[in-house]
Amino acid sequence: MSFEITPAAERFIRLMIRADGAQGSGFRLSVTPGGCSGLAANISVKNQPAPGESVIERNGVKLFLNAETRILLEGVTIDFADTASQTGLVFHDPKQKACGSHGLDTLQ
């Protein structure tokens, strides 16, 4: 699977896991069609993956991803933004034409 995580996004994910999880927890990321750019995401910290989720490890960070998310993240760069209009993960998909200045909409 081919997607990138920027250092800023990795820091955010690590902070979320430290704040909300136990030792060995992972970051559940579920991406679905929807939102302004064509994709929307739900995030949470979980102790273990749900049935059907794969564990993808990047730089020691465990990501729990379902099959649809793995497909939708192909070629995407996951970043973190902290601006007046948005705080959270931002997804840059070179295949998608966004209707605004951001990639994906992130729901928590």
PDB file of N, CA and C in Angstrom:
ATOM      1  N   MET A   1       0.842  -1.180   0.000  1.00  0.00           N
ATOM      2  CA  MET A   1       0.000   0.000   0.000  1.00  0.00           C
ATOM      3  C   MET A   1       0.872   1.223   0.000  1.00  0.00           C
ATOM      4  N   SER A   2       0.479   2.180  -0.802  1.00  0.00           N
ATOM      5  CA  SER A   2       1.333   3.330  -1.044  1.00  0.00           C
ATOM      6  C   SER A   2       0.651   4.626  -0.620  1.00  0.00           C
ATOM      7  N   PHE A   3       0.979   5.101   0.577  1.00  0.00           N
ATOM      8  CA  PHE A   3       0.546   6.421   1.026  1.00  0.00           C
ATOM      9  C   PHE A   3       1.644   6.974   1.919  1.00  0.00           C
ATOM     10  N   GLU A   4       1.656   8.285   2.064  1.00  0.00           N
ATOM     11  CA  GLU A   4       2.685   8.955   2.862  1.00  0.00           C
ATOM     12  C   GLU A   4       2.055   9.596   4.092  1.00  0.00           C
ATOM     13  N   ILE A   5       2.843   9.678   5.158  1.00  0.00           N
ATOM     14  CA  ILE A   5       2.446  10.395   6.373  1.00  0.00           C
ATOM     15  C   ILE A   5       3.531  11.430   6.641  1.00  0.00           C
ATOM     16  N   THR A   6       3.157  12.704   6.689  1.00  0.00           N
ATOM     17  CA  THR A   6       4.140  13.746   6.964  1.00  0.00           C
ATOM     18  C   THR A   6       4.570  13.682   8.436  1.00  0.00           C
ATOM     19  N   PRO A   7       5.727  14.251   8.761  1.00  0.00           N
ATOM     20  CA  PRO A   7       6.151  14.291  10.167  1.00  0.00           C
ATOM     21  C   PRO A   7       5.122  14.973  11.074  1.00  0.00           C
ATOM     22  N   ALA A   8       4.448  16.009  10.587  1.00  0.00           N
ATOM     23  CA  ALA A   8       3.432  16.698  11.403  1.00  0.00           C
ATOM     24  C   ALA A   8       2.264  15.764  11.697  1.00  0.00           C
ATOM     25  N   ALA A   9       1.820  15.012  10.713  1.00  0.00           N
ATOM     26  CA  ALA A   9       0.716  14.066  10.916  1.00  0.00           C
ATOM     27  C   ALA A   9       1.144  12.944  11.855  1.00  0.00           C
ATOM     28  N   GLU A  10       2.354  12.481  11.703  1.00  0.00           N
ATOM     29  CA  GLU A  10       2.852  11.422  12.581  1.00  0.00           C
ATOM     30  C   GLU A  10       2.889  11.902  14.033  1.00  0.00           C
ATOM     31  N   ARG A  11       3.344  13.128  14.263  1.00  0.00           N
ATOM     32  CA  ARG A  11       3.358  13.692  15.628  1.00  0.00           C
ATOM     33  C   ARG A  11       1.945  13.746  16.198  1.00  0.00           C
ATOM     34  N   PHE A  12       0.979  14.214  15.392  1.00  0.00           N
ATOM     35  CA  PHE A  12      -0.408  14.287  15.838  1.00  0.00           C
ATOM     36  C   PHE A  12      -0.933  12.897  16.209  1.00  0.00           C
ATOM     37  N   ILE A  13      -0.688  11.920  15.365  1.00  0.00           N
ATOM     38  CA  ILE A  13      -1.165  10.555  15.618  1.00  0.00           C
ATOM     39  C   ILE A  13      -0.528   9.997  16.888  1.00  0.00           C
ATOM     40  N   ARG A  14       0.775  10.201  17.058  1.00  0.00           N
ATOM     41  CA  ARG A  14       1.451   9.730  18.272  1.00  0.00           C
ATOM     42  C   ARG A  14       0.866  10.386  19.525  1.00  0.00           C
ATOM     43  N   LEU A  15       0.595  11.698  19.459  1.00  0.00           N
ATOM     44  CA  LEU A  15      -0.008  12.398  20.606  1.00  0.00           C
ATOM     45  C   LEU A  15      -1.392  11.843  20.925  1.00  0.00           C
ATOM     46  N   MET A  16      -2.184  11.579  19.890  1.00  0.00           N
ATOM     47  CA  MET A  16      -3.527  11.002  20.093  1.00  0.00           C
ATOM     48  C   MET A  16      -3.426   9.638  20.776  1.00  0.00           C
ATOM     49  N   ILE A  17      -2.516   8.809  20.314  1.00  0.00           N
ATOM     50  CA  ILE A  17      -2.361   7.475  20.896  1.00  0.00           C
ATOM     51  C   ILE A  17      -1.910   7.583  22.349  1.00  0.00           C
ATOM     52  N   ARG A  18      -0.949   8.461  22.622  1.00  0.00           N
ATOM     53  CA  ARG A  18      -0.483   8.639  24.005  1.00  0.00           C
ATOM     54  C   ARG A  18      -1.598   9.148  24.915  1.00  0.00           C
ATOM     55  N   ALA A  19      -2.402  10.075  24.418  1.00  0.00           N
ATOM     56  CA  ALA A  19      -3.451  10.675  25.240  1.00  0.00           C
ATOM     57  C   ALA A  19      -4.636   9.737  25.455  1.00  0.00           C
ATOM     58  N   ASP A  20      -5.001   8.964  24.437  1.00  0.00           N
ATOM     59  CA  ASP A  20      -6.239   8.195  24.497  1.00  0.00           C
ATOM     60  C   ASP A  20      -6.071   6.682  24.567  1.00  0.00           C
ATOM     61  N   GLY A  21      -4.861   6.173  24.454  1.00  0.00           N
ATOM     62  CA  GLY A  21      -4.694   4.731  24.363  1.00  0.00           C
ATOM     63  C   GLY A  21      -3.800   4.147  25.425  1.00  0.00           C
ATOM     64  N   ALA A  22      -3.853   2.827  25.503  1.00  0.00           N
ATOM     65  CA  ALA A  22      -2.973   2.083  26.387  1.00  0.00           C
ATOM     66  C   ALA A  22      -1.728   1.672  25.593  1.00  0.00           C
ATOM     67  N   GLN A  23      -0.763   1.107  26.275  1.00  0.00           N
ATOM     68  CA  GLN A  23       0.437   0.607  25.595  1.00  0.00           C
ATOM     69  C   GLN A  23       0.029  -0.346  24.471  1.00  0.00           C
ATOM     70  N   GLY A  24       0.577  -0.138  23.293  1.00  0.00           N
ATOM     71  CA  GLY A  24       0.270  -1.012  22.166  1.00  0.00           C
ATOM     72  C   GLY A  24      -0.956  -0.615  21.373  1.00  0.00           C
ATOM     73  N   SER A  25      -1.615   0.477  21.745  1.00  0.00           N
ATOM     74  CA  SER A  25      -2.804   0.928  21.019  1.00  0.00           C
ATOM     75  C   SER A  25      -2.441   1.378  19.613  1.00  0.00           C
ATOM     76  N   GLY A  26      -3.462   1.484  18.779  1.00  0.00           N
ATOM     77  CA  GLY A  26      -3.261   1.942  17.415  1.00  0.00           C
ATOM     78  C   GLY A  26      -4.248   3.030  17.054  1.00  0.00           C
ATOM     79  N   PHE A  27      -4.055   3.589  15.898  1.00  0.00           N
ATOM     80  CA  PHE A  27      -4.850   4.706  15.402  1.00  0.00           C
ATOM     81  C   PHE A  27      -5.782   4.189  14.312  1.00  0.00           C
ATOM     82  N   ARG A  28      -7.088   4.174  14.593  1.00  0.00           N
ATOM     83  CA  ARG A  28      -8.066   3.727  13.607  1.00  0.00           C
ATOM     84  C   ARG A  28      -8.403   4.900  12.693  1.00  0.00           C
ATOM     85  N   LEU A  29      -8.228   4.679  11.418  1.00  0.00           N
ATOM     86  CA  LEU A  29      -8.532   5.670  10.394  1.00  0.00           C
ATOM     87  C   LEU A  29      -9.473   5.022   9.405  1.00  0.00           C
ATOM     88  N   SER A  30     -10.666   5.581   9.283  1.00  0.00           N
ATOM     89  CA  SER A  30     -11.670   5.049   8.372  1.00  0.00           C
ATOM     90  C   SER A  30     -12.053   6.140   7.376  1.00  0.00           C
ATOM     91  N   VAL A  31     -11.681   5.929   6.120  1.00  0.00           N
ATOM     92  CA  VAL A  31     -11.946   6.896   5.062  1.00  0.00           C
ATOM     93  C   VAL A  31     -13.099   6.386   4.215  1.00  0.00           C
ATOM     94  N   THR A  32     -14.049   7.281   3.925  1.00  0.00           N
ATOM     95  CA  THR A  32     -15.209   6.935   3.113  1.00  0.00           C
ATOM     96  C   THR A  32     -15.461   8.034   2.082  1.00  0.00           C
ATOM     97  N   PRO A  33     -16.158   7.708   1.007  1.00  0.00           N
ATOM     98  CA  PRO A  33     -16.533   8.757   0.049  1.00  0.00           C
ATOM     99  C   PRO A  33     -17.461   9.772   0.716  1.00  0.00           C
ATOM    100  N   GLY A  34     -17.278  11.057   0.400  1.00  0.00           N
ATOM    101  CA  GLY A  34     -18.120  12.118   0.952  1.00  0.00           C
ATOM    102  C   GLY A  34     -17.303  13.362   1.215  1.00  0.00           C
ATOM    103  N   GLY A  35     -17.950  14.393   1.642  1.00  0.00           N
ATOM    104  CA  GLY A  35     -17.259  15.635   1.956  1.00  0.00           C
ATOM    105  C   GLY A  35     -16.974  16.461   0.710  1.00  0.00           C
ATOM    106  N   CYS A  36     -16.460  17.638   0.912  1.00  0.00           N
ATOM    107  CA  CYS A  36     -16.202  18.597  -0.163  1.00  0.00           C
ATOM    108  C   CYS A  36     -15.255  18.042  -1.218  1.00  0.00           C
ATOM    109  N   SER A  37     -14.211  17.358  -0.784  1.00  0.00           N
ATOM    110  CA  SER A  37     -13.201  16.875  -1.725  1.00  0.00           C
ATOM    111  C   SER A  37     -13.500  15.484  -2.262  1.00  0.00           C
ATOM    112  N   GLY A  38     -14.592  14.894  -1.810  1.00  0.00           N
ATOM    113  CA  GLY A  38     -14.920  13.553  -2.271  1.00  0.00           C
ATOM    114  C   GLY A  38     -14.628  12.469  -1.256  1.00  0.00           C
ATOM    115  N   LEU A  39     -13.956  12.816  -0.153  1.00  0.00           N
ATOM    116  CA  LEU A  39     -13.623  11.841   0.884  1.00  0.00           C
ATOM    117  C   LEU A  39     -13.821  12.454   2.267  1.00  0.00           C
ATOM    118  N   ALA A  40     -14.164  11.604   3.232  1.00  0.00           N
ATOM    119  CA  ALA A  40     -14.302  12.030   4.625  1.00  0.00           C
ATOM    120  C   ALA A  40     -13.640  10.976   5.496  1.00  0.00           C
ATOM    121  N   ALA A  41     -13.191  11.348   6.680  1.00  0.00           N
ATOM    122  CA  ALA A  41     -12.486  10.408   7.554  1.00  0.00           C
ATOM    123  C   ALA A  41     -13.008  10.480   8.973  1.00  0.00           C
ATOM    124  N   ASN A  42     -13.055   9.320   9.614  1.00  0.00           N
ATOM    125  CA  ASN A  42     -13.323   9.210  11.041  1.00  0.00           C
ATOM    126  C   ASN A  42     -12.067   8.648  11.679  1.00  0.00           C
ATOM    127  N   ILE A  43     -11.675   9.199  12.822  1.00  0.00           N
ATOM    128  CA  ILE A  43     -10.469   8.743  13.503  1.00  0.00           C
ATOM    129  C   ILE A  43     -10.775   8.416  14.949  1.00  0.00           C
ATOM    130  N   SER A  44     -10.016   7.462  15.499  1.00  0.00           N
ATOM    131  CA  SER A  44     -10.116   7.122  16.908  1.00  0.00           C
ATOM    132  C   SER A  44      -8.888   6.318  17.307  1.00  0.00           C
ATOM    133  N   VAL A  45      -8.667   6.195  18.591  1.00  0.00           N
ATOM    134  CA  VAL A  45      -7.586   5.369  19.121  1.00  0.00           C
ATOM    135  C   VAL A  45      -8.233   4.131  19.722  1.00  0.00           C
ATOM    136  N   LYS A  46      -7.717   2.970  19.354  1.00  0.00           N
ATOM    137  CA  LYS A  46      -8.278   1.696  19.823  1.00  0.00           C
ATOM    138  C   LYS A  46      -7.157   0.786  20.308  1.00  0.00           C
ATOM    139  N   ASN A  47      -7.507  -0.116  21.225  1.00  0.00           N
ATOM    140  CA  ASN A  47      -6.529  -1.059  21.754  1.00  0.00           C
ATOM    141  C   ASN A  47      -6.136  -2.123  20.741  1.00  0.00           C
ATOM    142  N   GLN A  48      -7.079  -2.488  19.873  1.00  0.00           N
ATOM    143  CA  GLN A  48      -6.793  -3.491  18.857  1.00  0.00           C
ATOM    144  C   GLN A  48      -7.672  -3.263  17.640  1.00  0.00           C
ATOM    145  N   PRO A  49      -7.274  -3.820  16.500  1.00  0.00           N
ATOM    146  CA  PRO A  49      -8.073  -3.617  15.284  1.00  0.00           C
ATOM    147  C   PRO A  49      -9.413  -4.330  15.371  1.00  0.00           C
ATOM    148  N   ALA A  50     -10.392  -3.793  14.684  1.00  0.00           N
ATOM    149  CA  ALA A  50     -11.696  -4.430  14.569  1.00  0.00           C
ATOM    150  C   ALA A  50     -11.593  -5.573  13.559  1.00  0.00           C
ATOM    151  N   PRO A  51     -12.538  -6.502  13.582  1.00  0.00           N
ATOM    152  CA  PRO A  51     -12.523  -7.570  12.586  1.00  0.00           C
ATOM    153  C   PRO A  51     -12.515  -6.982  11.170  1.00  0.00           C
ATOM    154  N   GLY A  52     -11.640  -7.499  10.326  1.00  0.00           N
ATOM    155  CA  GLY A  52     -11.538  -7.027   8.950  1.00  0.00           C
ATOM    156  C   GLY A  52     -10.551  -5.894   8.742  1.00  0.00           C
ATOM    157  N   GLU A  53     -10.034  -5.319   9.822  1.00  0.00           N
ATOM    158  CA  GLU A  53      -9.039  -4.246   9.684  1.00  0.00           C
ATOM    159  C   GLU A  53      -7.638  -4.836   9.609  1.00  0.00           C
ATOM    160  N   SER A  54      -6.794  -4.214   8.813  1.00  0.00           N
ATOM    161  CA  SER A  54      -5.382  -4.582   8.744  1.00  0.00           C
ATOM    162  C   SER A  54      -4.590  -3.630   9.622  1.00  0.00           C
ATOM    163  N   VAL A  55      -3.490  -4.117  10.146  1.00  0.00           N
ATOM    164  CA  VAL A  55      -2.575  -3.283  10.926  1.00  0.00           C
ATOM    165  C   VAL A  55      -1.419  -2.917  10.002  1.00  0.00           C
ATOM    166  N   ILE A  56      -1.291  -1.626   9.730  1.00  0.00           N
ATOM    167  CA  ILE A  56      -0.202  -1.107   8.913  1.00  0.00           C
ATOM    168  C   ILE A  56       0.685  -0.297   9.852  1.00  0.00           C
ATOM    169  N   GLU A  57       1.969  -0.630   9.904  1.00  0.00           N
ATOM    170  CA  GLU A  57       2.874   0.100  10.787  1.00  0.00           C
ATOM    171  C   GLU A  57       3.767   1.020   9.982  1.00  0.00           C
ATOM    172  N   ARG A  58       3.797   2.274  10.385  1.00  0.00           N
ATOM    173  CA  ARG A  58       4.665   3.282   9.773  1.00  0.00           C
ATOM    174  C   ARG A  58       5.465   3.944  10.877  1.00  0.00           C
ATOM    175  N   ASN A  59       6.797   3.799  10.829  1.00  0.00           N
ATOM    176  CA  ASN A  59       7.690   4.402  11.822  1.00  0.00           C
ATOM    177  C   ASN A  59       7.285   4.059  13.253  1.00  0.00           C
ATOM    178  N   GLY A  60       6.837   2.828  13.477  1.00  0.00           N
ATOM    179  CA  GLY A  60       6.448   2.388  14.810  1.00  0.00           C
ATOM    180  C   GLY A  60       5.046   2.776  15.229  1.00  0.00           C
ATOM    181  N   VAL A  61       4.294   3.444  14.365  1.00  0.00           N
ATOM    182  CA  VAL A  61       2.912   3.831  14.659  1.00  0.00           C
ATOM    183  C   VAL A  61       1.987   2.814  14.005  1.00  0.00           C
ATOM    184  N   LYS A  62       1.084   2.224  14.801  1.00  0.00           N
ATOM    185  CA  LYS A  62       0.134   1.260  14.267  1.00  0.00           C
ATOM    186  C   LYS A  62      -1.107   1.978  13.757  1.00  0.00           C
ATOM    187  N   LEU A  63      -1.436   1.727  12.501  1.00  0.00           N
ATOM    188  CA  LEU A  63      -2.667   2.240  11.909  1.00  0.00           C
ATOM    189  C   LEU A  63      -3.601   1.063  11.679  1.00  0.00           C
ATOM    190  N   PHE A  64      -4.861   1.198  12.082  1.00  0.00           N
ATOM    191  CA  PHE A  64      -5.874   0.174  11.853  1.00  0.00           C
ATOM    192  C   PHE A  64      -6.742   0.655  10.691  1.00  0.00           C
ATOM    193  N   LEU A  65      -6.676  -0.046   9.558  1.00  0.00           N
ATOM    194  CA  LEU A  65      -7.339   0.386   8.331  1.00  0.00           C
ATOM    195  C   LEU A  65      -8.215  -0.723   7.764  1.00  0.00           C
ATOM    196  N   ASN A  66      -9.459  -0.379   7.430  1.00  0.00           N
ATOM    197  CA  ASN A  66     -10.326  -1.350   6.772  1.00  0.00           C
ATOM    198  C   ASN A  66     -10.003  -1.385   5.277  1.00  0.00           C
ATOM    199  N   ALA A  67     -10.606  -2.326   4.564  1.00  0.00           N
ATOM    200  CA  ALA A  67     -10.284  -2.523   3.141  1.00  0.00           C
ATOM    201  C   ALA A  67     -10.582  -1.286   2.302  1.00  0.00           C
ATOM    202  N   GLU A  68     -11.742  -0.642   2.525  1.00  0.00           N
ATOM    203  CA  GLU A  68     -12.100   0.546   1.744  1.00  0.00           C
ATOM    204  C   GLU A  68     -11.087   1.662   1.961  1.00  0.00           C
ATOM    205  N   THR A  69     -10.662   1.851   3.198  1.00  0.00           N
ATOM    206  CA  THR A  69      -9.682   2.892   3.520  1.00  0.00           C
ATOM    207  C   THR A  69      -8.357   2.616   2.825  1.00  0.00           C
ATOM    208  N   ARG A  70      -7.924   1.371   2.835  1.00  0.00           N
ATOM    209  CA  ARG A  70      -6.656   1.029   2.176  1.00  0.00           C
ATOM    210  C   ARG A  70      -6.711   1.374   0.691  1.00  0.00           C
ATOM    211  N   ILE A  71      -7.841   1.147   0.059  1.00  0.00           N
ATOM    212  CA  ILE A  71      -7.996   1.474  -1.362  1.00  0.00           C
ATOM    213  C   ILE A  71      -8.014   2.985  -1.570  1.00  0.00           C
ATOM    214  N   LEU A  72      -8.795   3.701  -0.752  1.00  0.00           N
ATOM    215  CA  LEU A  72      -8.941   5.149  -0.924  1.00  0.00           C
ATOM    216  C   LEU A  72      -7.665   5.921  -0.599  1.00  0.00           C
ATOM    217  N   LEU A  73      -6.796   5.370   0.248  1.00  0.00           N
ATOM    218  CA  LEU A  73      -5.561   6.064   0.624  1.00  0.00           C
ATOM    219  C   LEU A  73      -4.438   5.877  -0.399  1.00  0.00           C
ATOM    220  N   GLU A  74      -4.645   5.054  -1.395  1.00  0.00           N
ATOM    221  CA  GLU A  74      -3.602   4.804  -2.389  1.00  0.00           C
ATOM    222  C   GLU A  74      -3.145   6.122  -3.027  1.00  0.00           C
ATOM    223  N   GLY A  75      -1.844   6.445  -2.885  1.00  0.00           N
ATOM    224  CA  GLY A  75      -1.266   7.651  -3.464  1.00  0.00           C
ATOM    225  C   GLY A  75      -1.500   8.926  -2.672  1.00  0.00           C
ATOM    226  N   VAL A  76      -2.159   8.839  -1.522  1.00  0.00           N
ATOM    227  CA  VAL A  76      -2.530  10.009  -0.720  1.00  0.00           C
ATOM    228  C   VAL A  76      -1.401  10.376   0.251  1.00  0.00           C
ATOM    229  N   THR A  77      -1.258  11.664   0.535  1.00  0.00           N
ATOM    230  CA  THR A  77      -0.356  12.141   1.580  1.00  0.00           C
ATOM    231  C   THR A  77      -1.209  12.611   2.754  1.00  0.00           C
ATOM    232  N   ILE A  78      -0.950  12.049   3.934  1.00  0.00           N
ATOM    233  CA  ILE A  78      -1.661  12.425   5.157  1.00  0.00           C
ATOM    234  C   ILE A  78      -0.823  13.484   5.854  1.00  0.00           C
ATOM    235  N   ASP A  79      -1.428  14.638   6.115  1.00  0.00           N
ATOM    236  CA  ASP A  79      -0.727  15.753   6.741  1.00  0.00           C
ATOM    237  C   ASP A  79      -1.546  16.211   7.945  1.00  0.00           C
ATOM    238  N   PHE A  80      -1.026  17.171   8.691  1.00  0.00           N
ATOM    239  CA  PHE A  80      -1.731  17.775   9.820  1.00  0.00           C
ATOM    240  C   PHE A  80      -1.747  19.280   9.626  1.00  0.00           C
ATOM    241  N   ALA A  81      -2.911  19.885   9.837  1.00  0.00           N
ATOM    242  CA  ALA A  81      -3.054  21.342   9.730  1.00  0.00           C
ATOM    243  C   ALA A  81      -3.581  21.896  11.041  1.00  0.00           C
ATOM    244  N   ASP A  82      -3.089  23.052  11.413  1.00  0.00           N
ATOM    245  CA  ASP A  82      -3.590  23.769  12.587  1.00  0.00           C
ATOM    246  C   ASP A  82      -3.722  25.231  12.183  1.00  0.00           C
ATOM    247  N   THR A  83      -4.864  25.546  11.590  1.00  0.00           N
ATOM    248  CA  THR A  83      -5.125  26.894  11.086  1.00  0.00           C
ATOM    249  C   THR A  83      -6.408  27.428  11.702  1.00  0.00           C
ATOM    250  N   ALA A  84      -6.746  28.661  11.370  1.00  0.00           N
ATOM    251  CA  ALA A  84      -7.978  29.262  11.871  1.00  0.00           C
ATOM    252  C   ALA A  84      -9.209  28.510  11.364  1.00  0.00           C
ATOM    253  N   SER A  85      -9.123  27.928  10.181  1.00  0.00           N
ATOM    254  CA  SER A  85     -10.291  27.257   9.601  1.00  0.00           C
ATOM    255  C   SER A  85     -10.299  25.749   9.809  1.00  0.00           C
ATOM    256  N   GLN A  86      -9.157  25.155  10.219  1.00  0.00           N
ATOM    257  CA  GLN A  86      -9.110  23.694  10.348  1.00  0.00           C
ATOM    258  C   GLN A  86      -7.993  23.261  11.269  1.00  0.00           C
ATOM    259  N   THR A  87      -8.308  22.308  12.134  1.00  0.00           N
ATOM    260  CA  THR A  87      -7.303  21.653  12.950  1.00  0.00           C
ATOM    261  C   THR A  87      -7.544  20.162  12.845  1.00  0.00           C
ATOM    262  N   GLY A  88      -6.548  19.440  12.407  1.00  0.00           N
ATOM    263  CA  GLY A  88      -6.665  17.991  12.292  1.00  0.00           C
ATOM    264  C   GLY A  88      -5.948  17.479  11.072  1.00  0.00           C
ATOM    265  N   LEU A  89      -6.201  16.215  10.785  1.00  0.00           N
ATOM    266  CA  LEU A  89      -5.571  15.589   9.638  1.00  0.00           C
ATOM    267  C   LEU A  89      -6.139  16.143   8.341  1.00  0.00           C
ATOM    268  N   VAL A  90      -5.264  16.306   7.380  1.00  0.00           N
ATOM    269  CA  VAL A  90      -5.627  16.766   6.041  1.00  0.00           C
ATOM    270  C   VAL A  90      -5.050  15.748   5.069  1.00  0.00           C
ATOM    271  N   PHE A  91      -5.847  15.365   4.096  1.00  0.00           N
ATOM    272  CA  PHE A  91      -5.427  14.352   3.144  1.00  0.00           C
ATOM    273  C   PHE A  91      -5.301  14.994   1.770  1.00  0.00           C
ATOM    274  N   HIS A  92      -4.120  14.849   1.180  1.00  0.00           N
ATOM    275  CA  HIS A  92      -3.863  15.399  -0.149  1.00  0.00           C
ATOM    276  C   HIS A  92      -3.852  14.245  -1.141  1.00  0.00           C
ATOM    277  N   ASP A  93      -4.846  14.228  -2.008  1.00  0.00           N
ATOM    278  CA  ASP A  93      -4.994  13.162  -2.991  1.00  0.00           C
ATOM    279  C   ASP A  93      -4.760  13.751  -4.376  1.00  0.00           C
ATOM    280  N   PRO A  94      -3.658  13.420  -5.028  1.00  0.00           N
ATOM    281  CA  PRO A  94      -3.385  13.989  -6.344  1.00  0.00           C
ATOM    282  C   PRO A  94      -4.395  13.561  -7.410  1.00  0.00           C
ATOM    283  N   LYS A  95      -5.161  12.523  -7.133  1.00  0.00           N
ATOM    284  CA  LYS A  95      -6.165  12.051  -8.084  1.00  0.00           C
ATOM    285  C   LYS A  95      -7.483  12.819  -7.971  1.00  0.00           C
ATOM    286  N   GLN A  96      -7.669  13.549  -6.881  1.00  0.00           N
ATOM    287  CA  GLN A  96      -8.949  14.197  -6.589  1.00  0.00           C
ATOM    288  C   GLN A  96      -8.858  15.699  -6.783  1.00  0.00           C
ATOM    289  N   LYS A  97      -9.849  16.273  -7.435  1.00  0.00           N
ATOM    290  CA  LYS A  97      -9.941  17.731  -7.547  1.00  0.00           C
ATOM    291  C   LYS A  97     -10.790  18.236  -6.396  1.00  0.00           C
ATOM    292  N   ALA A  98     -10.178  18.987  -5.486  1.00  0.00           N
ATOM    293  CA  ALA A  98     -10.895  19.491  -4.317  1.00  0.00           C
ATOM    294  C   ALA A  98     -11.728  20.710  -4.692  1.00  0.00           C
ATOM    295  N   CYS A  99     -12.842  20.896  -3.988  1.00  0.00           N
ATOM    296  CA  CYS A  99     -13.683  22.058  -4.239  1.00  0.00           C
ATOM    297  C   CYS A  99     -13.277  23.236  -3.363  1.00  0.00           C
ATOM    298  N   GLY A 100     -12.324  23.027  -2.465  1.00  0.00           N
ATOM    299  CA  GLY A 100     -11.821  24.089  -1.613  1.00  0.00           C
ATOM    300  C   GLY A 100     -10.317  24.002  -1.541  1.00  0.00           C
ATOM    301  N   SER A 101      -9.733  24.582  -0.530  1.00  0.00           N
ATOM    302  CA  SER A 101      -8.280  24.592  -0.436  1.00  0.00           C
ATOM    303  C   SER A 101      -7.745  23.393   0.343  1.00  0.00           C
ATOM    304  N   HIS A 102      -8.620  22.505   0.839  1.00  0.00           N
ATOM    305  CA  HIS A 102      -8.185  21.375   1.646  1.00  0.00           C
ATOM    306  C   HIS A 102      -8.415  20.078   0.899  1.00  0.00           C
ATOM    307  N   GLY A 103      -7.743  19.038   1.354  1.00  0.00           N
ATOM    308  CA  GLY A 103      -7.909  17.707   0.787  1.00  0.00           C
ATOM    309  C   GLY A 103      -9.181  17.068   1.297  1.00  0.00           C
ATOM    310  N   LEU A 104      -9.101  16.209   2.315  1.00  0.00           N
ATOM    311  CA  LEU A 104     -10.253  15.510   2.868  1.00  0.00           C
ATOM    312  C   LEU A 104     -10.854  16.277   4.020  1.00  0.00           C
ATOM    313  N   ASP A 105     -12.115  16.038   4.282  1.00  0.00           N
ATOM    314  CA  ASP A 105     -12.744  16.532   5.487  1.00  0.00           C
ATOM    315  C   ASP A 105     -12.480  15.505   6.574  1.00  0.00           C
ATOM    316  N   THR A 106     -12.118  15.925   7.784  1.00  0.00           N
ATOM    317  CA  THR A 106     -11.845  15.011   8.860  1.00  0.00           C
ATOM    318  C   THR A 106     -12.899  15.185   9.949  1.00  0.00           C
ATOM    319  N   LEU A 107     -13.508  14.095  10.346  1.00  0.00           N
ATOM    320  CA  LEU A 107     -14.484  14.085  11.432  1.00  0.00           C
ATOM    321  C   LEU A 107     -13.870  13.350  12.590  1.00  0.00           C
ATOM    322  N   GLN A 108     -14.123  13.819  13.802  1.00  0.00           N
ATOM    323  CA  GLN A 108     -13.596  13.101  14.966  1.00  0.00           C
ATOM    324  C   GLN A 108     -14.728  12.628  15.819  1.00  0.00           C
TER     325      GLN A 108
END
